[in-house]
Amino acid sequence: MTSLMSLTIALTSNNGCWISRLIQKFKGSFVKVMQVERNGNNGETYHLFEIISSRNSDDICRELEKEQMLKDVRLVRSGRDRIYGSGRAVCSSKCPLEKVNCAFLRCITSGVNGEVYWHFVGSNADCRRIMQKLTDNGVFYRVVELSTLKGRNQITGKQELAVKVALDLGYFDYPKKVNIKHLADLFDLSPATLSEEIRKGLKKILNQYFKNVDSIELLDEYRAIEEKHILLQLYQ
C-alpha cells in the first residue's frame, strides 16, 4: 500500500496572491483557506477561508471587497477578531494551482514576512511531481515539510472548517445563535450535506480526544455504563 505524504511549500510575497497582499497590509493577521475548488479552466478557484486578526474588521472587509483577484466575496464576522468568507479567486501566473493538479491540495495558510504556505497531500511521486512542475515553470518556492502522514482517519480541512464555523457562530449553543440553513448558505451547500460534514468532523475530533484521555475514573464509569447497556439489551 502506497503511503501518503504531506508536502508544505512556501511562496514569497511576490506571487500576486490576494492572501499575500492582505497580510502585508494588515500585519499580524492570519489567513487560512480551508477549501479550494477549481472552477473549470478559466484560471479561477473557489476559496472558503478564515481570517483571524486584531486589526479593524471593517477595514479588512472593505479591503477584501475591493480585491481585484477575489470576486463574489461573501463575508460573515464572528466576534471582534474573526472573519469567515468565500469568493472566486483569480490565479496569477505564479500560483501553484496554475502549474499542478489541485486534487491533492489540503489547505493554504499565511506565514511570516508575507509568505503563503501551500499544504499538499499525495503519494511520494505526486509530491515530487508537484515540486518538479513548479521548478520547471520558474515558480520560486521553498520546501517547509515533506513527511509521511500518520493515521488515515484524520479530519479533512472542509470538516474542520465546518465544525469551527458552527462553533464560533453559536450553532452548538443553547439556544442556538445560528441555524443550519444559515451555515449552509455560507458554505454553498444544502443543510443536509453540511450537517453530515459537521457530524463526520465531530466524530473524528471526539475519537482523537478520547484516544488521548488517560483517566482511570473515566474508564471505570465507561465500563459501568457499557455493562448497563448490555444488560438492558439482554432484557429487552
C-alpha atoms as a PDB file:
ATOM      1  CA  MET A   1       0.000   0.000   0.000  1.00  0.00           C
ATOM      2  CA  THR A   2       1.391   3.410  -1.009  1.00  0.00           C
ATOM      3  CA  SER A   3       1.915   5.698   1.972  1.00  0.00           C
ATOM      4  CA  LEU A   4       0.584   9.251   1.877  1.00  0.00           C
ATOM      5  CA  MET A   5       2.993  12.153   2.095  1.00  0.00           C
ATOM      6  CA  SER A   6       2.461  15.653   3.453  1.00  0.00           C
ATOM      7  CA  LEU A   7       4.109  18.417   1.419  1.00  0.00           C
ATOM      8  CA  THR A   8       4.189  22.057   2.523  1.00  0.00           C
ATOM      9  CA  ILE A   9       5.772  24.701   0.315  1.00  0.00           C
ATOM     10  CA  ALA A  10       6.187  28.421   0.988  1.00  0.00           C
ATOM     11  CA  LEU A  11       5.819  31.038  -1.726  1.00  0.00           C
ATOM     12  CA  THR A  12       7.265  34.509  -1.315  1.00  0.00           C
ATOM     13  CA  SER A  13       5.218  37.690  -1.181  1.00  0.00           C
ATOM     14  CA  ASN A  14       5.701  38.489  -4.882  1.00  0.00           C
ATOM     15  CA  ASN A  15       3.419  35.687  -6.069  1.00  0.00           C
ATOM     16  CA  GLY A  16       0.477  38.020  -6.750  1.00  0.00           C
ATOM     17  CA  CYS A  17      -1.799  36.220  -4.266  1.00  0.00           C
ATOM     18  CA  TRP A  18      -4.629  38.061  -2.509  1.00  0.00           C
ATOM     19  CA  ILE A  19      -3.551  36.393   0.742  1.00  0.00           C
ATOM     20  CA  SER A  20      -0.050  37.880   0.489  1.00  0.00           C
ATOM     21  CA  ARG A  21      -1.398  41.369  -0.108  1.00  0.00           C
ATOM     22  CA  LEU A  22      -3.849  41.130   2.778  1.00  0.00           C
ATOM     23  CA  ILE A  23      -1.322  40.003   5.401  1.00  0.00           C
ATOM     24  CA  GLN A  24       1.202  42.578   4.201  1.00  0.00           C
ATOM     25  CA  LYS A  25      -1.315  45.379   4.635  1.00  0.00           C
ATOM     26  CA  PHE A  26      -2.732  44.075   7.920  1.00  0.00           C
ATOM     27  CA  LYS A  27       0.350  42.940   9.804  1.00  0.00           C
ATOM     28  CA  GLY A  28      -0.195  40.175  12.342  1.00  0.00           C
ATOM     29  CA  SER A  29      -3.301  38.809  10.605  1.00  0.00           C
ATOM     30  CA  PHE A  30      -3.656  35.089   9.861  1.00  0.00           C
ATOM     31  CA  VAL A  31      -5.455  33.637   6.841  1.00  0.00           C
ATOM     32  CA  LYS A  32      -6.409  30.011   6.295  1.00  0.00           C
ATOM     33  CA  VAL A  33      -8.094  28.825   3.099  1.00  0.00           C
ATOM     34  CA  MET A  34      -9.799  25.619   4.148  1.00  0.00           C
ATOM     35  CA  GLN A  35     -11.415  24.689   0.847  1.00  0.00           C
ATOM     36  CA  VAL A  36     -10.106  25.205  -2.682  1.00  0.00           C
ATOM     37  CA  GLU A  37     -12.018  24.085  -5.768  1.00  0.00           C
ATOM     38  CA  ARG A  38     -11.083  24.789  -9.374  1.00  0.00           C
ATOM     39  CA  ASN A  39     -13.818  26.472 -11.445  1.00  0.00           C
ATOM     40  CA  GLY A  40     -13.282  24.936 -14.861  1.00  0.00           C
ATOM     41  CA  ASN A  41     -10.331  26.037 -16.973  1.00  0.00           C
ATOM     42  CA  ASN A  42     -10.736  29.809 -16.609  1.00  0.00           C
ATOM     43  CA  GLY A  43      -7.960  30.265 -14.064  1.00  0.00           C
ATOM     44  CA  GLU A  44     -10.371  30.743 -11.157  1.00  0.00           C
ATOM     45  CA  THR A  45     -10.718  28.781  -7.935  1.00  0.00           C
ATOM     46  CA  TYR A  46     -13.357  28.866  -5.229  1.00  0.00           C
ATOM     47  CA  HIS A  47     -11.917  29.759  -1.798  1.00  0.00           C
ATOM     48  CA  LEU A  48     -13.585  29.217   1.564  1.00  0.00           C
ATOM     49  CA  PHE A  49     -11.450  30.990   4.160  1.00  0.00           C
ATOM     50  CA  GLU A  50     -10.984  32.157   7.740  1.00  0.00           C
ATOM     51  CA  ILE A  51      -9.194  35.342   8.859  1.00  0.00           C
ATOM     52  CA  ILE A  52      -8.033  35.970  12.415  1.00  0.00           C
ATOM     53  CA  SER A  53      -6.823  39.493  13.135  1.00  0.00           C
ATOM     54  CA  SER A  54      -6.645  42.074  15.898  1.00  0.00           C
ATOM     55  CA  ARG A  55      -6.984  44.806  13.252  1.00  0.00           C
ATOM     56  CA  ASN A  56     -10.251  46.576  12.456  1.00  0.00           C
ATOM     57  CA  SER A  57     -12.556  44.014  10.829  1.00  0.00           C
ATOM     58  CA  ASP A  58     -14.379  46.749   8.882  1.00  0.00           C
ATOM     59  CA  ASP A  59     -11.118  47.719   7.184  1.00  0.00           C
ATOM     60  CA  ILE A  60     -10.321  44.096   6.346  1.00  0.00           C
ATOM     61  CA  CYS A  61     -13.800  43.504   4.903  1.00  0.00           C
ATOM     62  CA  ARG A  62     -13.546  46.620   2.744  1.00  0.00           C
ATOM     63  CA  GLU A  63     -10.137  45.510   1.507  1.00  0.00           C
ATOM     64  CA  LEU A  64     -11.471  42.073   0.574  1.00  0.00           C
ATOM     65  CA  GLU A  65     -14.479  43.525  -1.227  1.00  0.00           C
ATOM     66  CA  LYS A  66     -12.275  45.677  -3.472  1.00  0.00           C
ATOM     67  CA  GLU A  67      -9.609  42.982  -4.034  1.00  0.00           C
ATOM     68  CA  GLN A  68      -9.342  42.569  -7.810  1.00  0.00           C
ATOM     69  CA  MET A  69      -8.206  38.954  -7.594  1.00  0.00           C
ATOM     70  CA  LEU A  70     -11.137  37.903  -5.390  1.00  0.00           C
ATOM     71  CA  LYS A  71     -14.648  38.057  -6.859  1.00  0.00           C
ATOM     72  CA  ASP A  72     -18.158  37.481  -5.475  1.00  0.00           C
ATOM     73  CA  VAL A  73     -16.931  37.870  -1.903  1.00  0.00           C
ATOM     74  CA  ARG A  74     -19.270  36.826   0.907  1.00  0.00           C
ATOM     75  CA  LEU A  75     -18.244  37.597   4.491  1.00  0.00           C
ATOM     76  CA  VAL A  76     -19.502  36.728   7.969  1.00  0.00           C
ATOM     77  CA  ARG A  77     -17.936  38.133  11.131  1.00  0.00           C
ATOM     78  CA  SER A  78     -17.600  36.166  14.354  1.00  0.00           C
ATOM     79  CA  GLY A  79     -16.670  38.304  17.335  1.00  0.00           C
ATOM     80  CA  ARG A  80     -14.087  41.056  17.128  1.00  0.00           C
ATOM     81  CA  ASP A  81     -11.178  39.150  15.658  1.00  0.00           C
ATOM     82  CA  ARG A  82     -12.558  36.546  13.256  1.00  0.00           C
ATOM     83  CA  ILE A  83     -13.979  36.695   9.739  1.00  0.00           C
ATOM     84  CA  TYR A  84     -15.242  33.821   7.600  1.00  0.00           C
ATOM     85  CA  GLY A  85     -15.740  34.243   3.893  1.00  0.00           C
ATOM     86  CA  SER A  86     -15.886  32.787   0.421  1.00  0.00           C
ATOM     87  CA  GLY A  87     -15.068  34.024  -3.063  1.00  0.00           C
ATOM     88  CA  ARG A  88     -13.752  33.193  -6.517  1.00  0.00           C
ATOM     89  CA  ALA A  89     -10.010  33.754  -6.671  1.00  0.00           C
ATOM     90  CA  VAL A  90      -8.277  34.610  -9.940  1.00  0.00           C
ATOM     91  CA  CYS A  91      -4.964  32.755 -10.047  1.00  0.00           C
ATOM     92  CA  SER A  92      -1.841  34.628 -11.117  1.00  0.00           C
ATOM     93  CA  SER A  93       0.846  33.161 -13.368  1.00  0.00           C
ATOM     94  CA  LYS A  94       2.907  32.361 -10.246  1.00  0.00           C
ATOM     95  CA  CYS A  95       0.118  30.488  -8.471  1.00  0.00           C
ATOM     96  CA  PRO A  96       0.865  26.779  -7.855  1.00  0.00           C
ATOM     97  CA  LEU A  97      -2.661  25.840  -8.958  1.00  0.00           C
ATOM     98  CA  GLU A  98      -1.814  27.090 -12.445  1.00  0.00           C
ATOM     99  CA  LYS A  99       1.028  24.559 -12.606  1.00  0.00           C
ATOM    100  CA  VAL A 100      -0.203  21.489 -10.690  1.00  0.00           C
ATOM    101  CA  ASN A 101      -3.322  19.430 -10.174  1.00  0.00           C
ATOM    102  CA  CYS A 102      -5.125  20.839  -7.128  1.00  0.00           C
ATOM    103  CA  ALA A 103      -6.749  17.479  -6.260  1.00  0.00           C
ATOM    104  CA  PHE A 104      -4.166  16.956  -3.512  1.00  0.00           C
ATOM    105  CA  LEU A 105      -4.293  20.464  -2.039  1.00  0.00           C
ATOM    106  CA  ARG A 106      -5.307  20.289   1.630  1.00  0.00           C
ATOM    107  CA  CYS A 107      -5.327  23.978   2.586  1.00  0.00           C
ATOM    108  CA  ILE A 108      -3.484  27.294   2.221  1.00  0.00           C
ATOM    109  CA  THR A 109      -2.241  29.311   5.199  1.00  0.00           C
ATOM    110  CA  SER A 110      -0.461  32.620   5.641  1.00  0.00           C
ATOM    111  CA  GLY A 111       3.014  32.709   7.123  1.00  0.00           C
ATOM    112  CA  VAL A 112       5.534  35.296   8.251  1.00  0.00           C
ATOM    113  CA  ASN A 113       7.021  38.030   6.055  1.00  0.00           C
ATOM    114  CA  GLY A 114       4.170  37.765   3.564  1.00  0.00           C
ATOM    115  CA  GLU A 115       4.829  34.124   2.704  1.00  0.00           C
ATOM    116  CA  VAL A 116       1.941  31.826   1.828  1.00  0.00           C
ATOM    117  CA  TYR A 117       2.075  28.128   2.731  1.00  0.00           C
ATOM    118  CA  TRP A 118       0.515  25.554   0.410  1.00  0.00           C
ATOM    119  CA  HIS A 119      -0.226  22.182   2.061  1.00  0.00           C
ATOM    120  CA  PHE A 120      -0.489  19.203  -0.282  1.00  0.00           C
ATOM    121  CA  VAL A 121      -1.256  15.525   0.351  1.00  0.00           C
ATOM    122  CA  GLY A 122      -0.402  12.692  -2.019  1.00  0.00           C
ATOM    123  CA  SER A 123       1.936   9.842  -2.744  1.00  0.00           C
ATOM    124  CA  ASN A 124       5.669  10.443  -2.725  1.00  0.00           C
ATOM    125  CA  ALA A 125       5.588  10.501  -6.551  1.00  0.00           C
ATOM    126  CA  ASP A 126       2.732  13.050  -6.508  1.00  0.00           C
ATOM    127  CA  CYS A 127       4.619  15.379  -4.180  1.00  0.00           C
ATOM    128  CA  ARG A 128       7.822  15.089  -6.200  1.00  0.00           C
ATOM    129  CA  ARG A 129       5.847  15.790  -9.376  1.00  0.00           C
ATOM    130  CA  ILE A 130       4.362  18.948  -7.834  1.00  0.00           C
ATOM    131  CA  MET A 131       7.804  20.271  -6.919  1.00  0.00           C
ATOM    132  CA  GLN A 132       9.222  19.415 -10.325  1.00  0.00           C
ATOM    133  CA  LYS A 133       6.404  21.180 -12.165  1.00  0.00           C
ATOM    134  CA  LEU A 134       6.855  24.320 -10.078  1.00  0.00           C
ATOM    135  CA  THR A 135      10.603  24.275 -10.726  1.00  0.00           C
ATOM    136  CA  ASP A 136      10.119  23.706 -14.463  1.00  0.00           C
ATOM    137  CA  ASN A 137       7.740  26.678 -14.636  1.00  0.00           C
ATOM    138  CA  GLY A 138      10.087  29.016 -12.803  1.00  0.00           C
ATOM    139  CA  VAL A 139       7.973  29.347  -9.635  1.00  0.00           C
ATOM    140  CA  PHE A 140      10.279  30.207  -6.719  1.00  0.00           C
ATOM    141  CA  TYR A 141       9.408  28.326  -3.537  1.00  0.00           C
ATOM    142  CA  ARG A 142      10.984  26.604  -0.566  1.00  0.00           C
ATOM    143  CA  VAL A 143      10.029  23.254   0.950  1.00  0.00           C
ATOM    144  CA  VAL A 144       8.840  23.633   4.531  1.00  0.00           C
ATOM    145  CA  GLU A 145       7.890  19.994   5.109  1.00  0.00           C
ATOM    146  CA  LEU A 146       7.917  16.682   3.276  1.00  0.00           C
ATOM    147  CA  SER A 147       6.926  13.833   5.557  1.00  0.00           C
ATOM    148  CA  THR A 148       4.848  10.660   5.759  1.00  0.00           C
ATOM    149  CA  LEU A 149       1.307  11.097   7.024  1.00  0.00           C
ATOM    150  CA  LYS A 150       0.386   9.005  10.041  1.00  0.00           C
ATOM    151  CA  GLY A 151      -3.193   7.918  10.563  1.00  0.00           C
ATOM    152  CA  ARG A 152      -5.875   7.611   7.899  1.00  0.00           C
ATOM    153  CA  ASN A 153      -8.830   8.862   9.919  1.00  0.00           C
ATOM    154  CA  GLN A 154      -7.765  12.493  10.087  1.00  0.00           C
ATOM    155  CA  ILE A 155     -10.276  15.298   9.843  1.00  0.00           C
ATOM    156  CA  THR A 156     -10.424  16.957   6.441  1.00  0.00           C
ATOM    157  CA  GLY A 157      -9.999  20.688   6.011  1.00  0.00           C
ATOM    158  CA  LYS A 158     -13.616  21.020   4.935  1.00  0.00           C
ATOM    159  CA  GLN A 159     -14.876  19.168   8.008  1.00  0.00           C
ATOM    160  CA  GLU A 160     -12.571  21.146  10.301  1.00  0.00           C
ATOM    161  CA  LEU A 161     -13.836  24.450   8.931  1.00  0.00           C
ATOM    162  CA  ALA A 162     -17.495  23.346   9.124  1.00  0.00           C
ATOM    163  CA  VAL A 163     -17.145  22.441  12.811  1.00  0.00           C
ATOM    164  CA  LYS A 164     -15.121  25.576  13.605  1.00  0.00           C
ATOM    165  CA  VAL A 165     -17.553  27.968  11.900  1.00  0.00           C
ATOM    166  CA  ALA A 166     -20.510  26.246  13.553  1.00  0.00           C
ATOM    167  CA  LEU A 167     -18.804  26.533  16.954  1.00  0.00           C
ATOM    168  CA  ASP A 168     -17.786  30.176  16.545  1.00  0.00           C
ATOM    169  CA  LEU A 169     -21.179  31.323  15.256  1.00  0.00           C
ATOM    170  CA  GLY A 170     -23.073  29.612  18.086  1.00  0.00           C
ATOM    171  CA  TYR A 171     -24.577  26.563  16.380  1.00  0.00           C
ATOM    172  CA  PHE A 172     -23.767  24.394  19.414  1.00  0.00           C
ATOM    173  CA  ASP A 173     -25.035  26.971  21.945  1.00  0.00           C
ATOM    174  CA  TYR A 174     -28.334  26.575  23.774  1.00  0.00           C
ATOM    175  CA  PRO A 175     -30.392  28.179  22.443  1.00  0.00           C
ATOM    176  CA  LYS A 176     -28.700  28.156  19.048  1.00  0.00           C
ATOM    177  CA  LYS A 177     -27.455  31.525  17.772  1.00  0.00           C
ATOM    178  CA  VAL A 178     -27.425  30.351  14.164  1.00  0.00           C
ATOM    179  CA  ASN A 179     -29.330  27.624  12.328  1.00  0.00           C
ATOM    180  CA  ILE A 180     -28.054  25.017   9.892  1.00  0.00           C
ATOM    181  CA  LYS A 181     -29.651  26.763   6.889  1.00  0.00           C
ATOM    182  CA  HIS A 182     -27.684  29.973   7.547  1.00  0.00           C
ATOM    183  CA  LEU A 183     -24.454  27.986   7.848  1.00  0.00           C
ATOM    184  CA  ALA A 184     -25.257  26.002   4.698  1.00  0.00           C
ATOM    185  CA  ASP A 185     -25.794  29.231   2.745  1.00  0.00           C
ATOM    186  CA  LEU A 186     -22.322  30.409   3.762  1.00  0.00           C
ATOM    187  CA  PHE A 187     -20.767  27.148   2.526  1.00  0.00           C
ATOM    188  CA  ASP A 188     -22.949  26.999  -0.609  1.00  0.00           C
ATOM    189  CA  LEU A 189     -24.129  23.547   0.465  1.00  0.00           C
ATOM    190  CA  SER A 190     -27.500  22.030   1.281  1.00  0.00           C
ATOM    191  CA  PRO A 191     -28.363  21.872   5.017  1.00  0.00           C
ATOM    192  CA  ALA A 192     -28.296  18.058   4.860  1.00  0.00           C
ATOM    193  CA  THR A 193     -24.812  17.964   3.281  1.00  0.00           C
ATOM    194  CA  LEU A 194     -23.336  20.472   5.744  1.00  0.00           C
ATOM    195  CA  SER A 195     -24.938  18.659   8.675  1.00  0.00           C
ATOM    196  CA  GLU A 196     -23.254  15.443   7.525  1.00  0.00           C
ATOM    197  CA  GLU A 197     -19.862  17.206   7.256  1.00  0.00           C
ATOM    198  CA  ILE A 198     -20.252  18.565  10.798  1.00  0.00           C
ATOM    199  CA  ARG A 199     -21.182  15.149  12.210  1.00  0.00           C
ATOM    200  CA  LYS A 200     -18.248  13.456  10.471  1.00  0.00           C
ATOM    201  CA  GLY A 201     -15.871  16.134  11.713  1.00  0.00           C
ATOM    202  CA  LEU A 202     -17.168  15.920  15.280  1.00  0.00           C
ATOM    203  CA  LYS A 203     -16.813  12.141  15.266  1.00  0.00           C
ATOM    204  CA  LYS A 204     -13.141  12.360  14.238  1.00  0.00           C
ATOM    205  CA  ILE A 205     -12.435  15.116  16.764  1.00  0.00           C
ATOM    206  CA  LEU A 206     -14.061  13.150  19.587  1.00  0.00           C
ATOM    207  CA  ASN A 207     -12.332   9.900  18.600  1.00  0.00           C
ATOM    208  CA  GLN A 208      -8.974  11.684  18.706  1.00  0.00           C
ATOM    209  CA  TYR A 209      -9.826  13.334  22.027  1.00  0.00           C
ATOM    210  CA  PHE A 210     -10.759  10.096  23.772  1.00  0.00           C
ATOM    211  CA  LYS A 211      -7.642   8.378  22.416  1.00  0.00           C
ATOM    212  CA  ASN A 212      -5.622  10.953  24.332  1.00  0.00           C
ATOM    213  CA  VAL A 213      -7.656  10.773  27.546  1.00  0.00           C
ATOM    214  CA  ASP A 214      -5.923   8.812  30.272  1.00  0.00           C
ATOM    215  CA  SER A 215      -8.344   8.778  33.189  1.00  0.00           C
ATOM    216  CA  ILE A 216      -8.992   5.728  35.374  1.00  0.00           C
ATOM    217  CA  GLU A 217     -12.193   7.300  36.706  1.00  0.00           C
ATOM    218  CA  LEU A 218     -13.493   7.871  33.208  1.00  0.00           C
ATOM    219  CA  LEU A 219     -12.675   4.324  32.123  1.00  0.00           C
ATOM    220  CA  ASP A 220     -14.396   2.867  35.203  1.00  0.00           C
ATOM    221  CA  GLU A 221     -17.535   4.918  34.589  1.00  0.00           C
ATOM    222  CA  TYR A 222     -17.475   3.987  30.905  1.00  0.00           C
ATOM    223  CA  ARG A 223     -17.289   0.278  31.723  1.00  0.00           C
ATOM    224  CA  ALA A 224     -20.182   0.617  34.185  1.00  0.00           C
ATOM    225  CA  ILE A 225     -22.359   2.311  31.556  1.00  0.00           C
ATOM    226  CA  GLU A 226     -21.300  -0.245  28.928  1.00  0.00           C
ATOM    227  CA  GLU A 227     -22.284  -3.122  31.247  1.00  0.00           C
ATOM    228  CA  LYS A 228     -25.636  -1.463  31.934  1.00  0.00           C
ATOM    229  CA  HIS A 229     -26.182  -1.075  28.176  1.00  0.00           C
ATOM    230  CA  ILE A 230     -25.512  -4.801  27.631  1.00  0.00           C
ATOM    231  CA  LEU A 231     -27.922  -5.756  30.420  1.00  0.00           C
ATOM    232  CA  LEU A 232     -30.662  -3.539  29.010  1.00  0.00           C
ATOM    233  CA  GLN A 233     -30.240  -5.168  25.594  1.00  0.00           C
ATOM    234  CA  LEU A 234     -30.497  -8.643  27.136  1.00  0.00           C
ATOM    235  CA  TYR A 235     -33.772  -7.866  28.908  1.00  0.00           C
ATOM    236  CA  GLN A 236     -35.471  -6.031  26.055  1.00  0.00           C
END
